[in-house]
Amino acid sequence: MLKGFGQGKGGIPSAALLQSAVAQAIDAVVLIDVSNAVTYFNDAAEALWGYRRAEVLGKNVSMLVPEAHRHNHDALIDANRTTGINKIVGTSREVIIPRKDGSTVPASLALSKMKVRGSWVYAAFIRDMSKEIATRNDILDRAGTSVDLVVVDCEKVADLSTTISEGAARQASSAQLASAAMEEITASLRNCAQNAATTEKIATGCSKDAQCAGESVSRAVQAMAEIAEKIRIVQEISRQTDLLALNAAIEAARAGSHGKGFSVVASEVRKLAERSNAAALEIVRLSSETLKASQEAGREIAALVPEIARTADLVREISAATREQQVGGEQVNQAIRDLDRVIQDSAATANSATQTSASLKTRSDDLSTMIAAMRSGKV
């Protein structure tokens, strides 16, 4: 029975209430006297140590502490009584409880000191921490596993980020080469477009010139026909002149000596008519050949004009297509430049991801160290 307590309600002594509460407490309660002998050992203490109460009461409390601390346990308690330095009194700490069967139990120890009749006695409150520690270790194990998985994932992310960064660098180099090539292609297309536009103008002009040439040949053919007609008139005049000259020569011969001078003139006129007729025939021949050549040229030009016009149309289509290619080339070039910027941004993002992964791995390593320390009870 605990003494020194007053009466509670209903006439039940307060000491009896306290003793009943302590006896039924879930924590082990151990009291020692001034000689360090155990004076109280509740049911929870019996369950914790595995000793029967009768095996402990009156015995030195050192039998309940780990063997490594038994040799100087009394000296430490006595030093606390005399010096008053309470390093562990009033605090709670984790300890290992040696059980009767040789096993050990992790526990939390809270030590109190009380003065009774001028001497210090101690009360120890011990809680079995097996379940709590097992739960904590299980949580730490799962946390450690998660941290290990995070580390592995971080390494994978870092590797992937490095691969992406290297790929982005190669893509950026390729994009720059493609951009340079497209710049050259665009410049070439621009020159082609300019040349096509110039060719279009030339082809259009040639088409118009061919039409004008065809019209000119047609007029030339018509003029040659008119010339031939005029030459036939000249031939008729020459024939009639020759006939008149012949008649004049005959009349001059009849006149005898009186018509001799007239006969000479008639002879010269006849010769002139003959030469005129010969020249007219030559002109007719040349005019005929020229007419045939002009007509052939006219037919060829007439056949060529549609082809030239078709060529001009094709050149215009080529010019329009070249302009569209130029616009398309500039758009592709702009798209490649945009792609190059995106690739550069992706490379920067990949580098940032690599740095973030490295930082996360470092923090995961720190967390693993903390978990290990918590598991070993060093924190």
Protein backbone atom coordinates (compact mmCIF):
# COMPACT_ATOMS: atom_id res chain seq x y z
CA MET A 1 0.00 0.00 0.00
CA LEU A 2 1.21 3.49 -0.92
CA LYS A 3 1.07 5.73 2.08
CA GLY A 4 0.93 9.47 2.66
CA PHE A 5 -2.29 10.16 0.75
CA GLY A 6 -5.61 11.57 2.04
CA GLN A 7 -9.19 10.34 1.65
CA GLY A 8 -10.97 10.39 -1.75
CA LYS A 9 -14.71 10.73 -2.30
CA GLY A 10 -16.88 7.90 -0.95
CA GLY A 11 -14.38 7.26 1.81
CA ILE A 12 -11.89 5.45 -0.50
CA PRO A 13 -8.29 6.38 0.46
CA SER A 14 -6.47 8.33 -2.27
CA ALA A 15 -3.44 6.04 -1.85
CA ALA A 16 -5.61 3.03 -2.65
CA LEU A 17 -6.94 4.75 -5.77
CA LEU A 18 -3.40 5.61 -6.89
CA GLN A 19 -2.15 2.11 -6.19
CA SER A 20 -5.04 0.61 -8.17
CA ALA A 21 -4.43 2.97 -11.11
CA VAL A 22 -0.70 2.26 -11.16
CA ALA A 23 -1.29 -1.48 -10.88
CA GLN A 24 -3.58 -1.45 -13.93
CA ALA A 25 -1.49 0.99 -15.99
CA ILE A 26 -0.47 -0.18 -19.48
CA ASP A 27 3.09 1.03 -18.79
CA ALA A 28 5.43 -0.89 -16.51
CA VAL A 29 5.98 0.90 -13.20
CA VAL A 30 8.98 0.13 -10.99
CA LEU A 31 9.78 1.85 -7.64
CA ILE A 32 13.11 1.57 -5.81
CA ASP A 33 14.03 2.66 -2.31
CA VAL A 34 17.11 4.37 -0.93
CA SER A 35 19.08 1.11 -1.19
CA ASN A 36 18.08 0.70 -4.83
CA ALA A 37 15.90 -2.29 -4.00
CA VAL A 38 12.67 -2.78 -5.94
CA THR A 39 9.66 -1.92 -3.79
CA TYR A 40 6.94 -1.94 -6.48
CA PHE A 41 6.52 -3.99 -9.65
CA ASN A 42 3.13 -3.81 -11.39
CA ASP A 43 1.44 -6.28 -13.76
CA ALA A 44 2.71 -4.50 -16.87
CA ALA A 45 6.26 -4.81 -15.48
CA GLU A 46 5.77 -8.57 -15.04
CA ALA A 47 4.63 -8.83 -18.68
CA LEU A 48 7.51 -6.70 -19.89
CA TRP A 49 10.41 -8.40 -18.07
CA GLY A 50 8.85 -11.88 -17.73
CA TYR A 51 9.63 -12.01 -14.00
CA ARG A 52 7.04 -12.73 -11.35
CA ARG A 53 6.62 -9.94 -8.85
CA ALA A 54 7.98 -12.15 -6.04
CA GLU A 55 11.20 -12.68 -8.03
CA VAL A 56 11.91 -8.96 -8.14
CA LEU A 57 10.60 -7.26 -5.00
CA GLY A 58 13.40 -6.59 -2.54
CA LYS A 59 16.09 -7.30 -5.15
CA ASN A 60 18.53 -4.71 -6.50
CA VAL A 61 17.10 -2.93 -9.50
CA SER A 62 20.27 -3.66 -11.49
CA MET A 63 18.84 -7.09 -12.33
CA LEU A 64 16.39 -5.27 -14.59
CA VAL A 65 18.95 -3.25 -16.56
CA PRO A 66 21.12 -4.48 -19.47
CA GLU A 67 24.08 -6.55 -18.31
CA ALA A 68 26.59 -4.06 -19.70
CA HIS A 69 25.33 -1.37 -17.25
CA ARG A 70 24.83 -3.50 -14.11
CA HIS A 71 28.35 -3.10 -12.69
CA ASN A 72 28.08 0.67 -12.19
CA HIS A 73 24.31 1.15 -12.01
CA ASP A 74 24.21 1.68 -8.22
CA ALA A 75 27.10 4.15 -8.42
CA LEU A 76 25.25 6.20 -11.01
CA ILE A 77 22.07 6.32 -8.92
CA ASP A 78 23.99 7.20 -5.73
CA ALA A 79 25.87 9.94 -7.62
CA ASN A 80 22.55 11.36 -8.72
CA ARG A 81 21.32 11.40 -5.14
CA THR A 82 24.37 13.24 -3.85
CA THR A 83 25.15 15.65 -6.71
CA GLY A 84 21.61 16.46 -7.75
CA ILE A 85 22.65 16.44 -11.41
CA ASN A 86 19.57 15.03 -13.14
CA LYS A 87 20.67 14.21 -16.68
CA ILE A 88 18.14 11.43 -17.15
CA VAL A 89 15.62 12.24 -14.42
CA GLY A 90 12.54 13.89 -15.83
CA THR A 91 13.37 12.87 -19.37
CA SER A 92 12.33 10.07 -21.67
CA ARG A 93 14.73 7.90 -23.68
CA GLU A 94 14.78 4.65 -25.55
CA VAL A 95 16.39 1.67 -23.81
CA ILE A 96 16.72 -2.08 -24.34
CA ILE A 97 15.01 -4.23 -21.70
CA PRO A 98 16.61 -7.64 -21.00
CA ARG A 99 13.85 -10.20 -20.36
CA LYS A 100 14.08 -13.24 -18.10
CA ASP A 101 14.15 -15.63 -21.11
CA GLY A 102 17.21 -13.85 -22.55
CA SER A 103 15.38 -11.90 -25.22
CA THR A 104 15.30 -8.13 -25.35
CA VAL A 105 12.54 -5.60 -25.81
CA PRO A 106 12.88 -2.00 -27.02
CA ALA A 107 11.23 0.37 -24.56
CA SER A 108 10.82 4.01 -23.62
CA LEU A 109 12.03 4.89 -20.10
CA ALA A 110 10.85 7.90 -18.08
CA LEU A 111 12.53 8.31 -14.67
CA SER A 112 11.20 10.36 -11.78
CA LYS A 113 12.80 11.17 -8.43
CA MET A 114 10.91 11.66 -5.15
CA LYS A 115 12.08 12.55 -1.63
CA VAL A 116 10.69 10.32 1.10
CA ARG A 117 11.70 10.90 4.79
CA GLY A 118 14.70 12.91 3.65
CA SER A 119 15.98 10.36 1.14
CA TRP A 120 15.58 10.12 -2.60
CA VAL A 121 13.65 7.24 -4.14
CA TYR A 122 13.00 6.68 -7.82
CA ALA A 123 10.06 5.67 -9.97
CA ALA A 124 10.57 4.31 -13.46
CA PHE A 125 7.80 4.25 -16.07
CA ILE A 126 8.64 1.93 -18.96
CA ARG A 127 6.56 1.48 -22.12
CA ASP A 128 7.02 -1.48 -24.46
CA MET A 129 7.91 0.09 -27.83
CA SER A 130 8.06 -3.14 -29.83
CA LYS A 131 4.90 -2.47 -31.83
CA GLU A 132 5.66 1.20 -32.26
CA ILE A 133 9.23 0.52 -33.36
CA ALA A 134 8.09 -2.31 -35.64
CA THR A 135 5.52 0.04 -37.16
CA ARG A 136 8.11 2.79 -37.44
CA ASN A 137 10.64 0.41 -39.01
CA ASP A 138 7.97 -0.81 -41.40
CA ILE A 139 7.22 2.78 -42.38
CA LEU A 140 10.93 3.49 -42.67
CA ASP A 141 11.42 0.35 -44.76
CA ARG A 142 8.64 1.37 -47.09
CA ALA A 143 9.97 4.92 -47.18
CA GLY A 144 13.45 3.57 -47.85
CA THR A 145 12.11 1.39 -50.65
CA SER A 146 10.28 4.39 -52.10
CA VAL A 147 13.44 6.49 -51.81
CA ASP A 148 15.43 3.75 -53.54
CA LEU A 149 12.84 3.65 -56.30
CA VAL A 150 12.99 7.45 -56.54
CA VAL A 151 16.77 7.25 -56.82
CA VAL A 152 16.49 4.64 -59.56
CA ASP A 153 13.86 6.75 -61.35
CA CYS A 154 16.04 9.82 -60.94
CA GLU A 155 18.94 7.98 -62.51
CA LYS A 156 16.69 6.84 -65.36
CA VAL A 157 15.35 10.38 -65.80
CA ALA A 158 18.90 11.71 -65.75
CA ASP A 159 19.95 9.15 -68.37
CA LEU A 160 16.89 9.93 -70.49
CA SER A 161 17.47 13.66 -70.08
CA THR A 162 21.09 13.20 -71.15
CA THR A 163 19.97 11.15 -74.15
CA ILE A 164 17.33 13.77 -75.01
CA SER A 165 19.88 16.55 -74.59
CA GLU A 166 22.39 14.79 -76.84
CA GLY A 167 19.64 14.02 -79.38
CA ALA A 168 18.46 17.62 -79.24
CA ALA A 169 22.01 18.79 -79.82
CA ARG A 170 22.28 16.55 -82.89
CA GLN A 171 18.85 17.70 -84.06
CA ALA A 172 19.86 21.31 -83.54
CA SER A 173 22.99 20.74 -85.63
CA SER A 174 20.93 19.02 -88.34
CA ALA A 175 18.32 21.79 -88.20
CA GLN A 176 21.04 24.40 -88.62
CA LEU A 177 22.43 22.54 -91.62
CA ALA A 178 18.91 22.17 -93.04
CA SER A 179 18.30 25.87 -92.40
CA ALA A 180 21.49 26.79 -94.25
CA ALA A 181 20.54 24.48 -97.12
CA MET A 182 17.03 25.97 -97.23
CA GLU A 183 18.55 29.46 -97.28
CA GLU A 184 20.50 28.46 -100.38
CA ILE A 185 17.43 26.77 -101.92
CA THR A 186 15.31 29.83 -101.14
CA ALA A 187 17.91 32.10 -102.73
CA SER A 188 18.02 29.79 -105.77
CA LEU A 189 14.23 29.78 -106.00
CA ARG A 190 14.25 33.56 -105.73
CA ASN A 191 16.69 33.77 -108.66
CA CYS A 192 14.63 31.22 -110.60
CA ALA A 193 11.50 33.26 -109.94
CA GLN A 194 13.24 36.39 -111.21
CA ASN A 195 14.57 34.55 -114.29
CA ALA A 196 11.14 33.01 -114.88
CA ALA A 197 9.54 36.43 -114.70
CA THR A 198 12.11 37.76 -117.19
CA THR A 199 11.57 34.75 -119.46
CA GLU A 200 7.83 35.29 -119.23
CA LYS A 201 8.25 38.84 -120.48
CA ILE A 202 10.54 37.67 -123.29
CA ALA A 203 8.14 34.85 -124.27
CA THR A 204 5.21 37.25 -124.26
CA GLY A 205 7.18 39.67 -126.42
CA CYS A 206 8.20 36.86 -128.81
CA SER A 207 4.59 35.79 -129.12
CA LYS A 208 3.58 39.32 -130.03
CA ASP A 209 6.55 39.62 -132.43
CA ALA A 210 5.61 36.33 -134.09
CA GLN A 211 2.07 37.53 -134.58
CA CYS A 212 3.38 40.78 -136.08
CA ALA A 213 5.79 38.81 -138.30
CA GLY A 214 2.93 36.63 -139.51
CA GLU A 215 0.93 39.68 -140.34
CA SER A 216 3.93 41.22 -142.13
CA VAL A 217 4.49 38.07 -144.18
CA SER A 218 0.80 38.05 -145.08
CA ARG A 219 1.11 41.64 -146.30
CA ALA A 220 4.32 40.74 -148.16
CA VAL A 221 2.59 37.83 -149.91
CA GLN A 222 -0.23 40.12 -150.90
CA ALA A 223 2.27 42.72 -152.16
CA MET A 224 4.13 40.05 -154.20
CA ALA A 225 0.85 39.02 -155.79
CA GLU A 226 0.21 42.64 -156.73
CA ILE A 227 3.76 42.95 -158.12
CA ALA A 228 3.26 39.84 -160.23
CA GLU A 229 0.09 41.36 -161.61
CA LYS A 230 1.88 44.61 -162.47
CA ILE A 231 4.71 42.63 -164.17
CA ARG A 232 2.20 40.86 -166.37
CA ILE A 233 1.02 44.30 -167.47
CA VAL A 234 4.64 45.26 -168.24
CA GLN A 235 5.02 42.00 -170.20
CA GLU A 236 1.90 42.84 -172.20
CA ILE A 237 3.24 46.33 -172.91
CA SER A 238 6.60 44.84 -174.01
CA ARG A 239 4.86 42.37 -176.31
CA GLN A 240 2.73 45.07 -177.88
CA THR A 241 5.79 47.39 -178.21
CA ASP A 242 7.70 44.60 -179.96
CA LEU A 243 4.76 44.07 -182.31
CA LEU A 244 4.53 47.77 -183.07
CA ALA A 245 8.30 47.93 -183.67
CA LEU A 246 8.02 45.01 -186.10
CA ASN A 247 5.22 46.74 -188.02
CA ALA A 248 7.22 49.97 -188.06
CA ALA A 249 10.24 48.12 -189.55
CA ILE A 250 8.05 46.63 -192.25
CA GLU A 251 6.61 50.05 -193.15
CA ALA A 252 10.11 51.56 -193.15
CA ALA A 253 11.29 48.89 -195.60
CA ARG A 254 8.42 49.73 -197.94
CA ALA A 255 9.32 53.38 -197.81
CA GLY A 256 12.77 52.59 -199.12
CA SER A 257 15.43 55.21 -198.61
CA HIS A 258 12.95 57.56 -197.03
CA GLY A 259 12.18 55.15 -194.18
CA LYS A 260 15.75 54.11 -193.48
CA GLY A 261 16.13 56.30 -190.37
CA PHE A 262 12.77 55.23 -189.04
CA SER A 263 13.75 51.60 -189.57
CA VAL A 264 16.82 52.06 -187.32
CA VAL A 265 14.64 53.56 -184.55
CA ALA A 266 12.09 50.78 -184.92
CA SER A 267 14.89 48.22 -184.63
CA GLU A 268 16.21 49.79 -181.43
CA VAL A 269 12.70 49.99 -179.99
CA ARG A 270 12.21 46.33 -180.78
CA LYS A 271 15.50 45.43 -179.07
CA LEU A 272 14.46 47.47 -176.02
CA ALA A 273 11.10 45.70 -175.97
CA GLU A 274 12.83 42.34 -176.13
CA ARG A 275 15.13 43.26 -173.25
CA SER A 276 12.16 44.58 -171.26
CA ASN A 277 10.30 41.33 -171.92
CA ALA A 278 13.34 39.25 -170.84
CA ALA A 279 13.69 41.35 -167.68
CA ALA A 280 10.00 41.03 -166.98
CA LEU A 281 10.22 37.26 -167.38
CA GLU A 282 13.17 37.16 -164.93
CA ILE A 283 11.23 39.34 -162.55
CA VAL A 284 8.23 37.06 -162.89
CA ARG A 285 10.43 34.05 -162.16
CA LEU A 286 12.00 35.73 -159.10
CA SER A 287 8.64 37.03 -157.95
CA SER A 288 7.16 33.57 -158.25
CA GLU A 289 9.94 32.04 -156.22
CA THR A 290 9.71 34.85 -153.63
CA LEU A 291 5.97 34.43 -153.48
CA LYS A 292 6.32 30.69 -152.90
CA ALA A 293 8.99 31.32 -150.20
CA SER A 294 6.85 34.01 -148.58
CA GLN A 295 3.81 31.78 -148.61
CA GLU A 296 5.85 28.93 -147.07
CA ALA A 297 7.25 31.32 -144.45
CA GLY A 298 3.75 32.57 -143.80
CA ARG A 299 2.47 29.04 -143.29
CA GLU A 300 5.40 28.21 -140.99
CA ILE A 301 4.95 31.41 -139.00
CA ALA A 302 1.21 30.80 -138.82
CA ALA A 303 1.91 27.31 -137.46
CA LEU A 304 4.57 28.66 -135.09
CA VAL A 305 2.48 31.47 -133.60
CA PRO A 306 0.20 29.12 -131.56
CA GLU A 307 3.25 27.20 -130.34
CA ILE A 308 4.94 30.41 -129.30
CA ALA A 309 1.73 31.50 -127.57
CA ARG A 310 1.54 28.10 -125.87
CA THR A 311 5.19 28.46 -124.86
CA ALA A 312 4.43 31.87 -123.38
CA ASP A 313 1.51 30.36 -121.45
CA LEU A 314 3.75 27.57 -120.14
CA VAL A 315 6.42 30.08 -119.16
CA ARG A 316 3.77 32.08 -117.28
CA GLU A 317 2.67 28.90 -115.49
CA ILE A 318 6.31 28.08 -114.68
CA SER A 319 6.80 31.62 -113.42
CA ALA A 320 3.71 31.36 -111.21
CA ALA A 321 4.80 27.94 -109.92
CA THR A 322 8.30 29.25 -109.22
CA ARG A 323 6.84 32.15 -107.25
CA GLU A 324 4.74 29.70 -105.26
CA GLN A 325 7.84 27.54 -104.68
CA GLN A 326 9.68 30.61 -103.50
CA VAL A 327 6.91 31.40 -101.03
CA GLY A 328 6.80 27.73 -99.95
CA GLY A 329 10.59 27.65 -99.57
CA GLU A 330 10.50 30.75 -97.39
CA GLN A 331 7.73 29.18 -95.28
CA VAL A 332 9.73 25.94 -94.94
CA ASN A 333 12.80 27.98 -94.05
CA GLN A 334 10.81 29.83 -91.38
CA ALA A 335 9.45 26.51 -90.10
CA ILE A 336 12.99 25.13 -89.84
CA ARG A 337 14.08 28.22 -87.94
CA ASP A 338 11.11 27.78 -85.59
CA LEU A 339 11.99 24.08 -85.23
CA ASP A 340 15.56 25.01 -84.43
CA ARG A 341 14.35 27.32 -81.66
CA VAL A 342 12.07 24.55 -80.31
CA ILE A 343 14.98 22.09 -80.38
CA GLN A 344 17.19 24.59 -78.57
CA ASP A 345 14.46 25.05 -75.95
CA SER A 346 14.10 21.25 -75.65
CA ALA A 347 17.84 20.91 -75.15
CA ALA A 348 17.76 23.57 -72.45
CA THR A 349 14.78 21.85 -70.81
CA ALA A 350 16.58 18.49 -70.94
CA ASN A 351 19.65 20.05 -69.31
CA SER A 352 17.43 21.56 -66.63
CA ALA A 353 15.76 18.16 -66.12
CA THR A 354 19.19 16.56 -65.74
CA GLN A 355 20.16 19.11 -63.10
CA THR A 356 16.82 18.66 -61.33
CA SER A 357 17.26 14.87 -61.37
CA ALA A 358 20.75 15.22 -59.92
CA SER A 359 19.43 17.52 -57.20
CA LEU A 360 16.56 15.14 -56.46
CA LYS A 361 18.98 12.19 -56.27
CA THR A 362 21.13 14.12 -53.80
CA ARG A 363 18.10 14.85 -51.65
CA SER A 364 17.02 11.21 -51.92
CA ASP A 365 20.47 10.15 -50.73
CA ASP A 366 20.15 12.56 -47.79
CA LEU A 367 16.70 11.14 -47.03
CA SER A 368 18.10 7.59 -47.17
CA THR A 369 20.77 8.60 -44.70
CA MET A 370 18.15 10.11 -42.39
CA ILE A 371 15.99 6.98 -42.64
CA ALA A 372 18.96 4.80 -41.81
CA ALA A 373 19.74 7.00 -38.81
CA MET A 374 16.13 6.84 -37.64
CA ARG A 375 16.10 3.07 -38.07
CA SER A 376 19.25 2.73 -35.97
CA GLY A 377 17.82 5.06 -33.31
CA LYS A 378 20.54 7.68 -33.69
CA VAL A 379 17.99 10.46 -34.20
